[in-house]
Amino acid sequence: MIRISNAAKAVTAALSAGAAAAVTAVQDQAVTSGETVTIVLAVLGALGITYAVPNRPRSDA
């Protein structure tokens, strides 16, 4: 089984959240300062929350 560290998991989640927010922001061909704040908060939120939640321990069953 492949083990993924908390840091790799958090970076992947942050990139995914940032990309989703960025795609939504550029729908009107312009990115406003409010949309930039939303993108940054999505990245930081996903990074922090995903890093803080531990991976489930492996069961022996």
PDB file of N, CA and C in Angstrom:
ATOM      1  N   MET A   1       0.840  -1.181   0.000  1.00  0.00           N
ATOM      2  CA  MET A   1       0.000   0.000   0.000  1.00  0.00           C
ATOM      3  C   MET A   1       0.883   1.241   0.000  1.00  0.00           C
ATOM      4  N   ILE A   2       0.521   2.211  -0.766  1.00  0.00           N
ATOM      5  CA  ILE A   2       1.291   3.449  -0.873  1.00  0.00           C
ATOM      6  C   ILE A   2       0.947   4.365   0.305  1.00  0.00           C
ATOM      7  N   ARG A   3       1.980   4.887   0.955  1.00  0.00           N
ATOM      8  CA  ARG A   3       1.760   5.810   2.061  1.00  0.00           C
ATOM      9  C   ARG A   3       1.953   7.232   1.552  1.00  0.00           C
ATOM     10  N   ILE A   4       0.994   8.076   1.825  1.00  0.00           N
ATOM     11  CA  ILE A   4       1.064   9.474   1.416  1.00  0.00           C
ATOM     12  C   ILE A   4       1.227  10.324   2.671  1.00  0.00           C
ATOM     13  N   SER A   5       2.224  11.163   2.691  1.00  0.00           N
ATOM     14  CA  SER A   5       2.454  11.995   3.862  1.00  0.00           C
ATOM     15  C   SER A   5       1.381  13.071   3.971  1.00  0.00           C
ATOM     16  N   ASN A   6       1.267  13.623   5.167  1.00  0.00           N
ATOM     17  CA  ASN A   6       0.296  14.698   5.399  1.00  0.00           C
ATOM     18  C   ASN A   6       0.607  15.914   4.534  1.00  0.00           C
ATOM     19  N   ALA A   7       1.881  16.201   4.342  1.00  0.00           N
ATOM     20  CA  ALA A   7       2.256  17.379   3.554  1.00  0.00           C
ATOM     21  C   ALA A   7       1.869  17.212   2.093  1.00  0.00           C
ATOM     22  N   ALA A   8       2.107  16.045   1.519  1.00  0.00           N
ATOM     23  CA  ALA A   8       1.745  15.805   0.118  1.00  0.00           C
ATOM     24  C   ALA A   8       0.239  15.844  -0.064  1.00  0.00           C
ATOM     25  N   LYS A   9      -0.465  15.286   0.890  1.00  0.00           N
ATOM     26  CA  LYS A   9      -1.927  15.295   0.847  1.00  0.00           C
ATOM     27  C   LYS A   9      -2.450  16.734   0.923  1.00  0.00           C
ATOM     28  N   ALA A  10      -1.858  17.549   1.775  1.00  0.00           N
ATOM     29  CA  ALA A  10      -2.294  18.924   1.942  1.00  0.00           C
ATOM     30  C   ALA A  10      -1.988  19.770   0.701  1.00  0.00           C
ATOM     31  N   VAL A  11      -0.822  19.572   0.112  1.00  0.00           N
ATOM     32  CA  VAL A  11      -0.464  20.334  -1.097  1.00  0.00           C
ATOM     33  C   VAL A  11      -1.406  19.988  -2.245  1.00  0.00           C
ATOM     34  N   THR A  12      -1.718  18.715  -2.392  1.00  0.00           N
ATOM     35  CA  THR A  12      -2.640  18.298  -3.444  1.00  0.00           C
ATOM     36  C   THR A  12      -4.023  18.906  -3.239  1.00  0.00           C
ATOM     37  N   ALA A  13      -4.496  18.914  -2.019  1.00  0.00           N
ATOM     38  CA  ALA A  13      -5.799  19.512  -1.724  1.00  0.00           C
ATOM     39  C   ALA A  13      -5.780  21.018  -1.975  1.00  0.00           C
ATOM     40  N   ALA A  14      -4.685  21.683  -1.612  1.00  0.00           N
ATOM     41  CA  ALA A  14      -4.586  23.125  -1.820  1.00  0.00           C
ATOM     42  C   ALA A  14      -4.567  23.476  -3.306  1.00  0.00           C
ATOM     43  N   LEU A  15      -3.830  22.705  -4.089  1.00  0.00           N
ATOM     44  CA  LEU A  15      -3.798  22.951  -5.537  1.00  0.00           C
ATOM     45  C   LEU A  15      -5.163  22.721  -6.171  1.00  0.00           C
ATOM     46  N   SER A  16      -5.858  21.701  -5.723  1.00  0.00           N
ATOM     47  CA  SER A  16      -7.190  21.415  -6.262  1.00  0.00           C
ATOM     48  C   SER A  16      -8.177  22.523  -5.918  1.00  0.00           C
ATOM     49  N   ALA A  17      -8.162  22.967  -4.674  1.00  0.00           N
ATOM     50  CA  ALA A  17      -9.071  24.027  -4.255  1.00  0.00           C
ATOM     51  C   ALA A  17      -8.743  25.342  -4.959  1.00  0.00           C
ATOM     52  N   GLY A  18      -7.456  25.651  -5.095  1.00  0.00           N
ATOM     53  CA  GLY A  18      -7.054  26.874  -5.781  1.00  0.00           C
ATOM     54  C   GLY A  18      -7.426  26.850  -7.249  1.00  0.00           C
ATOM     55  N   ALA A  19      -7.247  25.708  -7.888  1.00  0.00           N
ATOM     56  CA  ALA A  19      -7.603  25.590  -9.306  1.00  0.00           C
ATOM     57  C   ALA A  19      -9.104  25.737  -9.507  1.00  0.00           C
ATOM     58  N   ALA A  20      -9.885  25.127  -8.641  1.00  0.00           N
ATOM     59  CA  ALA A  20     -11.341  25.240  -8.757  1.00  0.00           C
ATOM     60  C   ALA A  20     -11.805  26.686  -8.567  1.00  0.00           C
ATOM     61  N   ALA A  21     -11.235  27.365  -7.593  1.00  0.00           N
ATOM     62  CA  ALA A  21     -11.600  28.761  -7.360  1.00  0.00           C
ATOM     63  C   ALA A  21     -11.126  29.650  -8.505  1.00  0.00           C
ATOM     64  N   ALA A  22      -9.952  29.373  -9.050  1.00  0.00           N
ATOM     65  CA  ALA A  22      -9.423  30.183 -10.154  1.00  0.00           C
ATOM     66  C   ALA A  22     -10.255  29.997 -11.421  1.00  0.00           C
ATOM     67  N   VAL A  23     -10.658  28.776 -11.715  1.00  0.00           N
ATOM     68  CA  VAL A  23     -11.492  28.529 -12.897  1.00  0.00           C
ATOM     69  C   VAL A  23     -12.809  29.276 -12.780  1.00  0.00           C
ATOM     70  N   THR A  24     -13.385  29.268 -11.606  1.00  0.00           N
ATOM     71  CA  THR A  24     -14.632  30.002 -11.390  1.00  0.00           C
ATOM     72  C   THR A  24     -14.414  31.507 -11.531  1.00  0.00           C
ATOM     73  N   ALA A  25     -13.274  32.000 -11.049  1.00  0.00           N
ATOM     74  CA  ALA A  25     -13.004  33.439 -11.077  1.00  0.00           C
ATOM     75  C   ALA A  25     -12.792  33.970 -12.487  1.00  0.00           C
ATOM     76  N   VAL A  26     -12.238  33.184 -13.389  1.00  0.00           N
ATOM     77  CA  VAL A  26     -11.931  33.692 -14.728  1.00  0.00           C
ATOM     78  C   VAL A  26     -13.057  33.459 -15.737  1.00  0.00           C
ATOM     79  N   GLN A  27     -14.204  33.066 -15.285  1.00  0.00           N
ATOM     80  CA  GLN A  27     -15.323  32.846 -16.193  1.00  0.00           C
ATOM     81  C   GLN A  27     -15.723  34.118 -16.940  1.00  0.00           C
ATOM     82  N   ASP A  28     -15.544  35.271 -16.319  1.00  0.00           N
ATOM     83  CA  ASP A  28     -15.908  36.536 -16.959  1.00  0.00           C
ATOM     84  C   ASP A  28     -14.712  37.260 -17.575  1.00  0.00           C
ATOM     85  N   GLN A  29     -13.606  36.544 -17.777  1.00  0.00           N
ATOM     86  CA  GLN A  29     -12.385  37.052 -18.404  1.00  0.00           C
ATOM     87  C   GLN A  29     -11.647  38.108 -17.581  1.00  0.00           C
ATOM     88  N   ALA A  30     -11.965  38.244 -16.309  1.00  0.00           N
ATOM     89  CA  ALA A  30     -11.271  39.188 -15.438  1.00  0.00           C
ATOM     90  C   ALA A  30     -11.287  38.645 -14.014  1.00  0.00           C
ATOM     91  N   VAL A  31     -10.214  38.904 -13.290  1.00  0.00           N
ATOM     92  CA  VAL A  31     -10.134  38.482 -11.895  1.00  0.00           C
ATOM     93  C   VAL A  31     -10.087  39.733 -11.026  1.00  0.00           C
ATOM     94  N   THR A  32     -11.097  39.910 -10.194  1.00  0.00           N
ATOM     95  CA  THR A  32     -11.155  41.077  -9.316  1.00  0.00           C
ATOM     96  C   THR A  32     -10.389  40.795  -8.032  1.00  0.00           C
ATOM     97  N   SER A  33     -10.231  41.827  -7.229  1.00  0.00           N
ATOM     98  CA  SER A  33      -9.511  41.636  -5.967  1.00  0.00           C
ATOM     99  C   SER A  33     -10.288  40.723  -5.024  1.00  0.00           C
ATOM    100  N   GLY A  34     -11.597  40.782  -5.053  1.00  0.00           N
ATOM    101  CA  GLY A  34     -12.405  39.888  -4.228  1.00  0.00           C
ATOM    102  C   GLY A  34     -12.240  38.435  -4.633  1.00  0.00           C
ATOM    103  N   GLU A  35     -12.148  38.189  -5.929  1.00  0.00           N
ATOM    104  CA  GLU A  35     -11.937  36.829  -6.412  1.00  0.00           C
ATOM    105  C   GLU A  35     -10.541  36.328  -6.057  1.00  0.00           C
ATOM    106  N   THR A  36      -9.563  37.230  -6.073  1.00  0.00           N
ATOM    107  CA  THR A  36      -8.213  36.859  -5.673  1.00  0.00           C
ATOM    108  C   THR A  36      -8.179  36.450  -4.207  1.00  0.00           C
ATOM    109  N   VAL A  37      -8.881  37.194  -3.381  1.00  0.00           N
ATOM    110  CA  VAL A  37      -8.960  36.848  -1.959  1.00  0.00           C
ATOM    111  C   VAL A  37      -9.625  35.485  -1.785  1.00  0.00           C
ATOM    112  N   THR A  38     -10.662  35.214  -2.554  1.00  0.00           N
ATOM    113  CA  THR A  38     -11.340  33.919  -2.491  1.00  0.00           C
ATOM    114  C   THR A  38     -10.402  32.785  -2.870  1.00  0.00           C
ATOM    115  N   ILE A  39      -9.609  32.976  -3.913  1.00  0.00           N
ATOM    116  CA  ILE A  39      -8.653  31.947  -4.339  1.00  0.00           C
ATOM    117  C   ILE A  39      -7.625  31.690  -3.240  1.00  0.00           C
ATOM    118  N   VAL A  40      -7.081  32.752  -2.679  1.00  0.00           N
ATOM    119  CA  VAL A  40      -6.065  32.609  -1.627  1.00  0.00           C
ATOM    120  C   VAL A  40      -6.654  31.920  -0.400  1.00  0.00           C
ATOM    121  N   LEU A  41      -7.857  32.300  -0.007  1.00  0.00           N
ATOM    122  CA  LEU A  41      -8.483  31.674   1.154  1.00  0.00           C
ATOM    123  C   LEU A  41      -8.817  30.203   0.900  1.00  0.00           C
ATOM    124  N   ALA A  42      -9.197  29.871  -0.325  1.00  0.00           N
ATOM    125  CA  ALA A  42      -9.462  28.468  -0.651  1.00  0.00           C
ATOM    126  C   ALA A  42      -8.187  27.640  -0.537  1.00  0.00           C
ATOM    127  N   VAL A  43      -7.085  28.176  -1.043  1.00  0.00           N
ATOM    128  CA  VAL A  43      -5.805  27.464  -0.967  1.00  0.00           C
ATOM    129  C   VAL A  43      -5.366  27.310   0.485  1.00  0.00           C
ATOM    130  N   LEU A  44      -5.387  28.388   1.234  1.00  0.00           N
ATOM    131  CA  LEU A  44      -4.929  28.327   2.625  1.00  0.00           C
ATOM    132  C   LEU A  44      -5.843  27.458   3.487  1.00  0.00           C
ATOM    133  N   GLY A  45      -7.146  27.544   3.256  1.00  0.00           N
ATOM    134  CA  GLY A  45      -8.084  26.723   4.016  1.00  0.00           C
ATOM    135  C   GLY A  45      -7.890  25.248   3.750  1.00  0.00           C
ATOM    136  N   ALA A  46      -7.781  24.887   2.494  1.00  0.00           N
ATOM    137  CA  ALA A  46      -7.571  23.475   2.157  1.00  0.00           C
ATOM    138  C   ALA A  46      -6.231  22.984   2.679  1.00  0.00           C
ATOM    139  N   LEU A  47      -5.209  23.816   2.573  1.00  0.00           N
ATOM    140  CA  LEU A  47      -3.880  23.436   3.051  1.00  0.00           C
ATOM    141  C   LEU A  47      -3.890  23.189   4.555  1.00  0.00           C
ATOM    142  N   GLY A  48      -4.451  24.112   5.300  1.00  0.00           N
ATOM    143  CA  GLY A  48      -4.462  23.999   6.762  1.00  0.00           C
ATOM    144  C   GLY A  48      -5.339  22.884   7.276  1.00  0.00           C
ATOM    145  N   ILE A  49      -6.545  22.771   6.735  1.00  0.00           N
ATOM    146  CA  ILE A  49      -7.476  21.757   7.227  1.00  0.00           C
ATOM    147  C   ILE A  49      -6.986  20.360   6.862  1.00  0.00           C
ATOM    148  N   THR A  50      -6.530  20.183   5.644  1.00  0.00           N
ATOM    149  CA  THR A  50      -6.078  18.858   5.228  1.00  0.00           C
ATOM    150  C   THR A  50      -4.814  18.446   5.964  1.00  0.00           C
ATOM    151  N   TYR A  51      -3.934  19.376   6.260  1.00  0.00           N
ATOM    152  CA  TYR A  51      -2.711  19.038   6.992  1.00  0.00           C
ATOM    153  C   TYR A  51      -3.035  18.685   8.442  1.00  0.00           C
ATOM    154  N   ALA A  52      -4.038  19.355   9.019  1.00  0.00           N
ATOM    155  CA  ALA A  52      -4.372  19.139  10.430  1.00  0.00           C
ATOM    156  C   ALA A  52      -5.068  17.805  10.674  1.00  0.00           C
ATOM    157  N   VAL A  53      -5.792  17.289   9.698  1.00  0.00           N
ATOM    158  CA  VAL A  53      -6.515  16.031   9.869  1.00  0.00           C
ATOM    159  C   VAL A  53      -5.560  14.871   9.600  1.00  0.00           C
ATOM    160  N   PRO A  54      -5.373  14.005  10.589  1.00  0.00           N
ATOM    161  CA  PRO A  54      -4.429  12.903  10.393  1.00  0.00           C
ATOM    162  C   PRO A  54      -4.979  11.825   9.457  1.00  0.00           C
ATOM    163  N   ASN A  55      -4.079  11.094   8.841  1.00  0.00           N
ATOM    164  CA  ASN A  55      -4.482   9.954   8.025  1.00  0.00           C
ATOM    165  C   ASN A  55      -5.030   8.861   8.937  1.00  0.00           C
ATOM    166  N   ARG A  56      -5.970   8.102   8.441  1.00  0.00           N
ATOM    167  CA  ARG A  56      -6.551   7.017   9.224  1.00  0.00           C
ATOM    168  C   ARG A  56      -5.494   5.932   9.437  1.00  0.00           C
ATOM    169  N   PRO A  57      -5.388   5.426  10.666  1.00  0.00           N
ATOM    170  CA  PRO A  57      -4.410   4.357  10.888  1.00  0.00           C
ATOM    171  C   PRO A  57      -4.794   3.096  10.120  1.00  0.00           C
ATOM    172  N   ARG A  58      -3.796   2.363   9.709  1.00  0.00           N
ATOM    173  CA  ARG A  58      -4.018   1.149   8.935  1.00  0.00           C
ATOM    174  C   ARG A  58      -4.541   0.046   9.840  1.00  0.00           C
ATOM    175  N   SER A  59      -5.600  -0.610   9.416  1.00  0.00           N
ATOM    176  CA  SER A  59      -6.150  -1.704  10.222  1.00  0.00           C
ATOM    177  C   SER A  59      -5.466  -3.010   9.835  1.00  0.00           C
ATOM    178  N   ASP A  60      -5.379  -3.902  10.771  1.00  0.00           N
ATOM    179  CA  ASP A  60      -4.737  -5.195  10.540  1.00  0.00           C
ATOM    180  C   ASP A  60      -5.701  -6.227   9.985  1.00  0.00           C
ATOM    181  N   ALA A  61      -6.968  -5.904   9.933  1.00  0.00           N
ATOM    182  CA  ALA A  61      -7.976  -6.875   9.498  1.00  0.00           C
ATOM    183  C   ALA A  61      -8.013  -7.094   8.037  1.00  0.00           C
TER     184      ALA A  61
END
